[in-house]
Each structure stands twice: as structure tokens, then as C-alpha cells.
Protein backbone atom coordinates (compact mmCIF):
# COMPACT_ATOMS: atom_id res chain seq x y z
CA UNK A 1 90.88 79.78 83.67
CA UNK A 2 90.10 79.76 87.36
CA UNK A 3 91.69 79.27 90.77
CA UNK A 4 89.57 77.67 93.46
CA UNK A 5 90.30 76.76 97.05
CA UNK A 6 89.31 73.33 98.34
CA UNK A 7 89.80 73.48 102.07
CA UNK A 8 91.01 70.48 104.01
CA UNK A 9 93.42 69.30 101.30
CA UNK A 10 97.21 69.28 101.48
CA UNK A 11 97.29 71.31 98.26
CA UNK A 12 94.05 73.29 98.51
CA UNK A 13 94.47 75.75 95.62
CA UNK A 14 93.43 74.24 92.30
CA UNK A 15 94.06 75.82 88.88
CA UNK A 16 91.53 74.86 86.18
CA UNK A 17 91.73 75.32 82.41
CA UNK A 18 90.27 73.80 79.25
CA UNK A 19 92.54 71.97 76.82
CA UNK A 20 91.93 73.72 73.48
CA UNK A 21 92.35 70.48 71.50
CA UNK A 22 90.48 67.95 73.61
CA UNK A 23 87.91 70.33 75.07
CA UNK A 24 88.42 68.63 78.43
CA UNK A 25 88.93 70.47 81.67
CA UNK A 26 92.37 69.97 83.20
CA UNK A 27 93.67 71.02 86.59
CA UNK A 28 96.67 71.22 88.88
CA UNK A 29 96.69 71.42 92.69
CA UNK A 30 99.06 73.82 94.45
CA UNK A 31 100.05 74.16 98.09
CA UNK A 32 99.86 77.98 98.18
CA UNK A 33 97.87 80.67 96.43
CA UNK A 34 101.12 82.21 95.16
CA UNK A 35 102.08 78.92 93.47
CA UNK A 36 98.59 78.70 91.98
CA UNK A 37 98.88 82.22 90.55
CA UNK A 38 102.24 81.37 88.99
CA UNK A 39 100.90 78.21 87.37
CA UNK A 40 97.87 80.15 86.19
CA UNK A 41 100.27 82.65 84.54
CA UNK A 42 102.09 79.76 82.81
CA UNK A 43 98.87 78.30 81.42
CA UNK A 44 97.56 81.68 80.24
CA UNK A 45 100.85 82.32 78.46
CA UNK A 46 100.79 78.90 76.79
CA UNK A 47 97.13 79.22 75.76
CA UNK A 48 97.90 82.54 74.09
CA UNK A 49 101.30 81.86 72.51
CA UNK A 50 102.01 78.10 72.63
CA UNK A 51 98.73 76.29 72.11
CA UNK A 52 100.54 73.39 70.47
CA UNK A 53 101.97 72.51 73.89
CA UNK A 54 98.57 71.10 74.85
CA UNK A 55 98.56 68.90 71.74
CA UNK A 56 101.97 67.35 72.42
CA UNK A 57 101.73 66.91 76.19
CA UNK A 58 102.03 63.12 76.04
CA UNK A 59 104.92 63.31 73.61
CA UNK A 60 106.76 65.75 75.86
CA UNK A 61 106.34 63.41 78.84
CA UNK A 62 107.91 60.46 76.98
CA UNK A 63 110.72 62.37 75.32
CA UNK A 64 114.03 61.48 76.97
CA UNK A 65 116.33 64.34 75.93
CA UNK A 66 115.56 67.68 77.65
CA UNK A 67 114.65 70.44 75.24
CA UNK A 68 115.25 74.18 75.39
CA UNK A 69 111.58 74.72 76.23
CA UNK A 70 111.19 72.00 78.87
CA UNK A 71 114.32 73.05 80.78
CA UNK A 72 113.35 76.71 80.53
CA UNK A 73 110.09 75.97 82.36
CA UNK A 74 111.92 73.88 84.97
CA UNK A 75 114.36 76.75 85.47
CA UNK A 76 111.55 79.27 85.96
CA UNK A 77 109.87 76.99 88.47
CA UNK A 78 113.13 76.74 90.42
CA UNK A 79 113.61 80.53 90.33
CA UNK A 80 110.26 81.03 92.09
CA UNK A 81 109.80 84.49 90.59
CA UNK A 82 107.08 86.93 91.54
CA UNK A 83 104.03 86.60 89.28
CA UNK A 84 104.76 89.96 87.62
CA UNK A 85 108.40 89.10 86.88
CA UNK A 86 107.39 85.63 85.75
CA UNK A 87 105.00 87.09 83.16
CA UNK A 88 107.65 89.53 81.93
CA UNK A 89 110.22 86.75 81.54
CA UNK A 90 107.77 84.54 79.67
CA UNK A 91 106.91 87.35 77.27
CA UNK A 92 110.58 88.25 76.77
CA UNK A 93 111.39 84.66 75.76
CA UNK A 94 108.27 83.99 73.66
CA UNK A 95 109.93 84.37 70.24
CA UNK A 96 112.93 82.30 71.30
CA UNK A 97 110.71 79.49 72.62
CA UNK A 98 108.73 79.47 69.38
CA UNK A 99 111.91 79.23 67.29
CA UNK A 100 114.23 77.08 69.42
CA UNK A 101 111.91 75.40 71.94
CA UNK A 102 112.08 71.91 70.39
CA UNK A 103 115.87 71.82 70.14
CA UNK A 104 117.69 69.50 72.51
CA UNK A 105 119.43 71.58 75.14
CA UNK A 106 122.65 69.55 74.82
CA UNK A 107 122.93 70.57 71.17
CA UNK A 108 123.14 74.28 72.00
CA UNK A 109 126.81 75.30 71.70
CA UNK A 110 128.80 78.48 71.09
CA UNK A 111 127.83 78.52 67.40
CA UNK A 112 124.14 78.10 68.27
CA UNK A 113 124.31 81.02 70.71
CA UNK A 114 126.04 83.17 68.10
CA UNK A 115 123.22 82.35 65.66
CA UNK A 116 120.61 83.19 68.31
CA UNK A 117 122.29 86.56 68.88
CA UNK A 118 122.36 87.18 65.11
CA UNK A 119 118.71 86.24 64.73
CA UNK A 120 117.70 88.57 67.57
CA UNK A 121 119.49 91.47 65.86
CA UNK A 122 117.44 90.89 62.69
CA UNK A 123 114.10 90.98 64.53
CA UNK A 124 114.32 94.61 65.63
CA UNK A 125 115.54 94.08 69.20
CA UNK A 126 117.67 96.81 70.80
CA UNK A 127 121.05 95.76 72.15
CA UNK A 128 119.87 96.21 75.72
CA UNK A 129 116.97 93.83 74.98
CA UNK A 130 119.27 91.31 73.31
CA UNK A 131 121.60 91.41 76.31
CA UNK A 132 118.66 90.74 78.61
CA UNK A 133 117.41 87.77 76.57
CA UNK A 134 120.88 86.28 76.21
CA UNK A 135 121.31 86.84 79.94
CA UNK A 136 118.17 84.77 80.63
CA UNK A 137 119.52 81.98 78.42
CA UNK A 138 122.87 82.16 80.21
CA UNK A 139 121.22 81.89 83.64
CA UNK A 140 119.09 78.97 82.42
CA UNK A 141 122.08 77.08 81.00
CA UNK A 142 124.11 77.66 84.16
CA UNK A 143 121.19 76.30 86.20
CA UNK A 144 120.85 73.33 83.82
CA UNK A 145 124.58 72.58 84.14
CA UNK A 146 124.48 72.71 87.94
CA UNK A 147 121.45 70.42 87.97
CA UNK A 148 123.00 67.95 85.47
CA UNK A 149 120.55 68.54 82.63
CA UNK A 150 123.58 69.19 80.39
CA UNK A 151 127.18 67.98 80.70
CA UNK A 152 128.97 70.92 79.09
CA UNK A 153 128.43 74.65 79.56
CA UNK A 154 128.85 76.44 76.20
CA UNK A 155 130.85 79.61 75.73
CA UNK A 156 128.72 82.70 75.21
CA UNK A 157 129.25 85.23 72.44
CA UNK A 158 130.69 88.64 73.22
CA UNK A 159 128.06 91.34 73.51
CA UNK A 160 128.56 95.03 72.71
CA UNK A 161 128.02 97.52 75.48
CA UNK A 162 124.33 98.30 75.72
CA UNK A 163 123.23 101.90 75.35
CA UNK A 164 120.65 102.40 78.07
CA UNK A 165 118.08 105.12 77.78
CA UNK A 166 118.76 107.99 80.16
CA UNK A 167 115.76 109.24 82.08
CA UNK A 168 115.80 112.60 83.80
CA UNK A 169 114.20 112.27 87.25
CA UNK A 170 111.46 114.71 88.29
CA UNK A 171 112.65 117.97 89.80
CA UNK A 172 111.41 119.08 93.20
CA UNK A 173 109.08 121.60 91.55
CA UNK A 174 107.65 118.86 89.29
CA UNK A 175 107.15 116.58 92.28
CA UNK A 176 105.25 119.40 94.03
CA UNK A 177 102.98 119.84 90.99
CA UNK A 178 102.43 116.09 90.73
CA UNK A 179 101.60 115.74 94.41
CA UNK A 180 99.10 118.62 94.28
CA UNK A 181 97.27 117.08 91.28
CA UNK A 182 97.42 113.47 92.46
CA UNK A 183 94.51 111.44 93.91
CA UNK A 184 95.02 110.00 97.40
CA UNK A 185 96.60 106.69 96.41
CA UNK A 186 99.04 108.31 93.96
CA UNK A 187 100.05 110.81 96.65
CA UNK A 188 101.22 107.83 98.70
CA UNK A 189 103.07 106.44 95.67
CA UNK A 190 104.90 109.76 95.24
CA UNK A 191 105.93 109.89 98.91
CA UNK A 192 107.08 106.27 99.05
CA UNK A 193 108.95 106.47 95.74
CA UNK A 194 110.56 109.90 96.06
CA UNK A 195 111.29 109.86 99.80
CA UNK A 196 112.11 106.18 100.32
CA UNK A 197 113.42 104.98 96.94
CA UNK A 198 110.99 102.07 96.68
CA UNK A 199 110.44 100.22 93.43
CA UNK A 200 107.03 101.31 92.17
CA UNK A 201 105.34 98.01 91.43
CA UNK A 202 103.95 94.79 92.83
CA UNK A 203 107.44 93.58 93.77
CA UNK A 204 107.83 96.19 96.55
CA UNK A 205 105.61 99.23 97.01
CA UNK A 206 102.25 97.80 96.00
CA UNK A 207 102.60 94.82 98.35
CA UNK A 208 103.68 96.93 101.33
CA UNK A 209 101.39 96.31 104.33
CA UNK A 210 100.86 98.32 107.48
CA UNK A 211 102.44 95.50 109.47
CA UNK A 212 105.68 96.45 107.66
CA UNK A 213 105.51 100.01 109.03
CA UNK A 214 106.77 100.65 112.59
CA UNK A 215 105.82 104.20 113.53
CA UNK A 216 107.20 103.78 117.06
CA UNK A 217 110.71 103.05 115.81
CA UNK A 218 110.18 105.18 112.70
CA UNK A 219 111.16 102.45 110.24
CA UNK A 220 109.59 100.82 107.17
CA UNK A 221 110.55 97.21 106.50
CA UNK A 222 110.49 97.20 102.70
CA UNK A 223 110.11 93.76 101.06
CA UNK A 224 113.06 93.41 98.68
CA UNK A 225 112.35 92.58 95.05
CA UNK A 226 113.93 89.29 93.97
CA UNK A 227 116.80 90.94 92.10
CA UNK A 228 119.84 89.63 93.90
CA UNK A 229 119.43 91.40 97.25
CA UNK A 230 120.93 89.24 100.03
CA UNK A 231 118.00 89.77 102.43
CA UNK A 232 114.23 89.40 101.94
CA UNK A 233 113.69 92.94 103.24
CA UNK A 234 115.50 96.17 104.08
CA UNK A 235 114.82 98.70 106.83
CA UNK A 236 114.38 102.30 105.66
CA UNK A 237 114.02 105.04 108.32
CA UNK A 238 111.05 107.41 108.15
CA UNK A 239 111.91 111.10 108.24
CA UNK A 240 110.63 112.80 111.38
CA UNK A 241 108.65 115.37 109.38
CA UNK A 242 106.81 112.55 107.56
CA UNK A 243 105.75 110.64 110.69
CA UNK A 244 102.56 112.75 111.23
CA UNK A 245 101.48 112.00 107.64
CA UNK A 246 101.98 108.26 108.16
CA UNK A 247 99.98 108.38 111.40
CA UNK A 248 97.08 110.01 109.53
CA UNK A 249 97.26 107.35 106.79
CA UNK A 250 97.34 104.57 109.37
CA UNK A 251 94.38 105.97 111.29
CA UNK A 252 92.32 106.34 108.09
CA UNK A 253 93.10 102.78 106.95
CA UNK A 254 92.69 101.17 110.39
CA UNK A 255 89.15 102.60 110.66
CA UNK A 256 88.25 100.77 107.43
CA UNK A 257 90.28 97.61 108.11
CA UNK A 258 92.64 98.22 105.17
CA UNK A 259 95.96 96.32 105.24
CA UNK A 260 97.82 97.73 102.23
CA UNK A 261 99.60 101.08 102.50
CA UNK A 262 98.89 101.89 98.84
CA UNK A 263 95.35 100.96 97.85
CA UNK A 264 92.37 102.18 95.85
CA UNK A 265 89.11 102.21 97.82
CA UNK A 266 90.54 99.57 100.13
CA UNK A 267 91.61 97.17 97.35
CA UNK A 268 95.19 96.18 96.55
CA UNK A 269 96.48 97.79 93.35
CA UNK A 270 98.19 95.89 90.56
CA UNK A 271 99.00 98.85 88.29
CA UNK A 272 98.91 102.65 88.46
CA UNK A 273 99.44 103.35 84.75
CA UNK A 274 96.08 105.03 84.06
CA UNK A 275 96.01 107.05 87.29
CA UNK A 276 99.61 108.14 86.73
CA UNK A 277 98.91 109.42 83.21
CA UNK A 278 95.83 111.32 84.42
CA UNK A 279 97.83 112.87 87.25
CA UNK A 280 100.57 114.13 84.91
CA UNK A 281 97.96 115.68 82.62
CA UNK A 282 96.21 117.36 85.54
CA UNK A 283 99.57 118.67 86.78
CA UNK A 284 100.31 120.22 83.37
CA UNK A 285 103.46 118.14 82.90
CA UNK A 286 103.95 117.24 79.26
CA UNK A 287 107.34 115.52 79.33
CA UNK A 288 107.57 111.76 79.87
CA UNK A 289 107.97 110.90 83.55
CA UNK A 290 107.61 107.28 84.65
CA UNK A 291 106.55 106.17 88.14
CA UNK A 292 109.96 104.49 88.39
CA UNK A 293 111.61 107.89 87.95
CA UNK A 294 110.56 108.72 91.52
CA UNK A 295 113.18 106.15 92.56
CA UNK A 296 115.72 107.87 90.31
CA UNK A 297 114.80 111.13 92.02
CA UNK A 298 115.45 109.61 95.44
CA UNK A 299 118.95 108.54 94.38
CA UNK A 300 119.65 111.90 92.75
CA UNK A 301 118.65 113.95 95.79
CA UNK A 302 120.47 111.63 98.21
CA UNK A 303 123.71 111.83 96.22
CA UNK A 304 123.29 115.60 95.85
CA UNK A 305 123.03 115.79 99.65
CA UNK A 306 126.45 114.04 99.89
CA UNK A 307 125.07 110.71 101.12
CA UNK A 308 127.68 108.06 100.35
CA UNK A 309 126.85 105.72 97.47
CA UNK A 310 127.01 102.60 99.66
CA UNK A 311 124.27 103.93 101.94
CA UNK A 312 122.13 104.96 98.95
CA UNK A 313 122.49 101.45 97.49
CA UNK A 314 121.54 99.90 100.84
CA UNK A 315 118.44 102.10 101.17
CA UNK A 316 117.37 101.24 97.61
CA UNK A 317 117.88 97.49 97.99
CA UNK A 318 120.78 97.17 95.55
CA UNK A 319 123.31 94.42 96.11
CA UNK A 320 126.16 96.56 94.83
CA UNK A 321 126.86 100.33 94.94
CA UNK A 322 127.89 100.02 91.28
CA UNK A 323 124.21 99.85 90.34
CA UNK A 324 123.74 103.33 91.81
CA UNK A 325 126.78 104.71 90.04
CA UNK A 326 125.69 103.14 86.73
CA UNK A 327 122.00 103.95 86.66
CA UNK A 328 121.01 106.57 89.21
CA UNK A 329 123.66 109.26 89.56
CA UNK A 330 122.07 112.22 87.79
CA UNK A 331 124.30 115.11 88.84
CA UNK A 332 122.39 118.37 89.11
CA UNK A 333 123.50 121.53 87.32
CA UNK A 334 124.18 123.21 90.66
CA UNK A 335 126.66 120.47 91.52
CA UNK A 336 128.38 120.84 88.16
CA UNK A 337 128.64 124.60 88.69
CA UNK A 338 130.02 124.12 92.21
CA UNK A 339 132.60 121.65 90.93
CA UNK A 340 133.79 124.07 88.25
CA UNK A 341 133.92 127.04 90.65
CA UNK A 342 135.97 125.03 93.15
CA UNK A 343 138.88 124.76 90.72
CA UNK A 344 141.83 127.15 91.20
CA UNK A 345 141.85 130.24 89.01
CA UNK A 346 144.14 129.63 85.99
CA UNK A 347 147.21 131.97 86.00
CA UNK A 348 146.43 133.09 82.47
CA UNK A 349 143.10 134.54 83.67
CA UNK A 350 144.77 136.50 86.49
CA UNK A 351 147.03 138.23 84.00
CA UNK A 352 144.24 139.46 81.68
CA UNK A 353 142.49 142.85 81.93
CA UNK A 354 139.13 141.17 81.23
CA UNK A 355 139.45 139.04 84.35
CA UNK A 356 140.46 142.05 86.53
CA UNK A 357 137.49 144.07 85.36
């Protein structure tokens, strides 16, 4: 597998791979590097999980009726997902493609979908996972119906309410310990996640560039992840007390010609898993805290400070405030205590000697 650039061509980025059955080198030209990376991800996935695809390429080209597998790939191409999300979606659907990939899409009806749901329950999937996979199928079939690959849109089976895992965000004292123990690039991750609510990953934080940071206006233009947000970016103000820190970061990076806000020795980062685990160990924190929980912490502290949910959702890049109410509202014990204390004293308590004493 390789991606090479051939300058001067209309589609200069070429993806190369070797057909495992013929031993011949095959290639595809792409107009942009991003498209080349996505096709490279497709081929790597197929080489690992669907090698038979390379054996039946000619058959697939001559087959008239669209199959579950062929339309799924067309749907993903139309979605134009980020490389990271593309890989996740491919892996999530791997078992389904292996089992149902050759079926004609038009033959999939309500009974077929009920059987797919039943089969997923027998393979050890949690209900939240099953809902996600069925959701991908639903989106694909809706796309296929709109684009006339199928004539009828089947009814989908009812799904039980998923029980999502509840993650407790880091407390302020834990964040302080983490920040003290963190290397330079993880310190920036902690600030951007906990103070700005960014998604910790390649979809937002790890692709943030200094050109997205306006220290004069005090605003970060955060690139929105492709998760339904109406705009490609959102503007998040920088707190006044954090501006000096950002100026130091910018000066350090400008001297070395570094473009990415979060980087390791000047190189863009794809994952912080190892550094994050080392930081937690160095900080003496034994409970499970994910990088994404920094974003939960941002929502928790904002709501605790009486920021309205609509503004919190806007700052976090959510299309609907309901996402904040559903996933991020971790009410602190102090708020619970304040709510209880704000209630009127029950008359029965006023009349008792214990209460008077």
C-alpha cells in the first residue's frame, strides 16, 4: 500500500496496492490527498477482511442488481466521512458485510431487518452497538431510496432503549493533577478539551491549526466534526486569563514553523492513547478517565455555572440542546444539596422538638 503524488496531473494522488490473487499492482488516481487517504483506508480494510472482493471484481462490475455491499460502499463514498470515522464505520459493519454483503439490496425487507437485529443480539453486541449498526443500515437504505437504487423503503424493527454507559467527568482537582503530570502536548489537550469542549480526536482538536486561532479577537474557530452540525466550524471565545498562555504557545510554535496547535515535536498527532495512559499513571489517578471526558467536564462545569443549555450545545458543536441534556449533564453534589436546601421547610419538621433543637 502506498500513496504517491504525480504532479502535473488532474488527479495527482495515486493509491497503489497489490491484488492478492493476481499478484499484479493495481492503482487508483484521486484529485486530493484526502480522497486518496480514504480510498487507501477502503483497500486496507478489504485486504484484511474481504480479500475475496479482489477475486470477484469483474463479476461485481457485470452484476446488474445492486447488492448490500456495493451500495454500502457507494453510500460511504457519498457521505465523504473523515478518514477516522470512515475506518470506524467500516469496522462496525464488517460482520454484516461478511454475512449479508452478497444479498440484493431490493430483497431486504422488514423481515430481513428483524432477522439482522436478531442475529446481532446472538453475536454478543450490546444494545447501544446494535442500535448504531441498525442506524447505519437505515441511513444507507434511505440514501439508496433517494438515489433510486431501491424502489421501496422497508419498515425498520422497533429497538429497545439503549443503556449508555455513564462516565463521570474529571473533577477540578483531578484536572489539576493531570495537568501537572502531563507532557507539553497533553497539557494543550487538557486545556482545549476542558476549557473549550472540543472533541479530542482527529475530527476536531488534533487538526486545529494556528490559522484557526485569532488572539486579537480572542476566538478559536473550531472545525466541526461531521456529525450533523449545520456549519463547518464554530467560534469559541478564549477566556481572558488563557490568552497569555496561547500567546506563549504561538510564539514557541512560530519559531519552529509549526502549524498544528497540538503536536508532538512539531508533527501532527493521530492518537494520544499511550501518552494519556502514562499521564494518568504519573498523576496517581487509578480510575478510568478518557480523553473525551474532558469534554464532559466542560459541559458539567458550564451547566453548573448556570450557562443555558442552548449556549453549551452551541459551544460544543451540537446540532440540538437535547444532546447536552441526554449525555453531558452531570449534576454535581453541591447542586443537588442546594436544590434540596432551597425547598420550603415541611410543617411537620417545624412542630418537632428535634428540629427546634
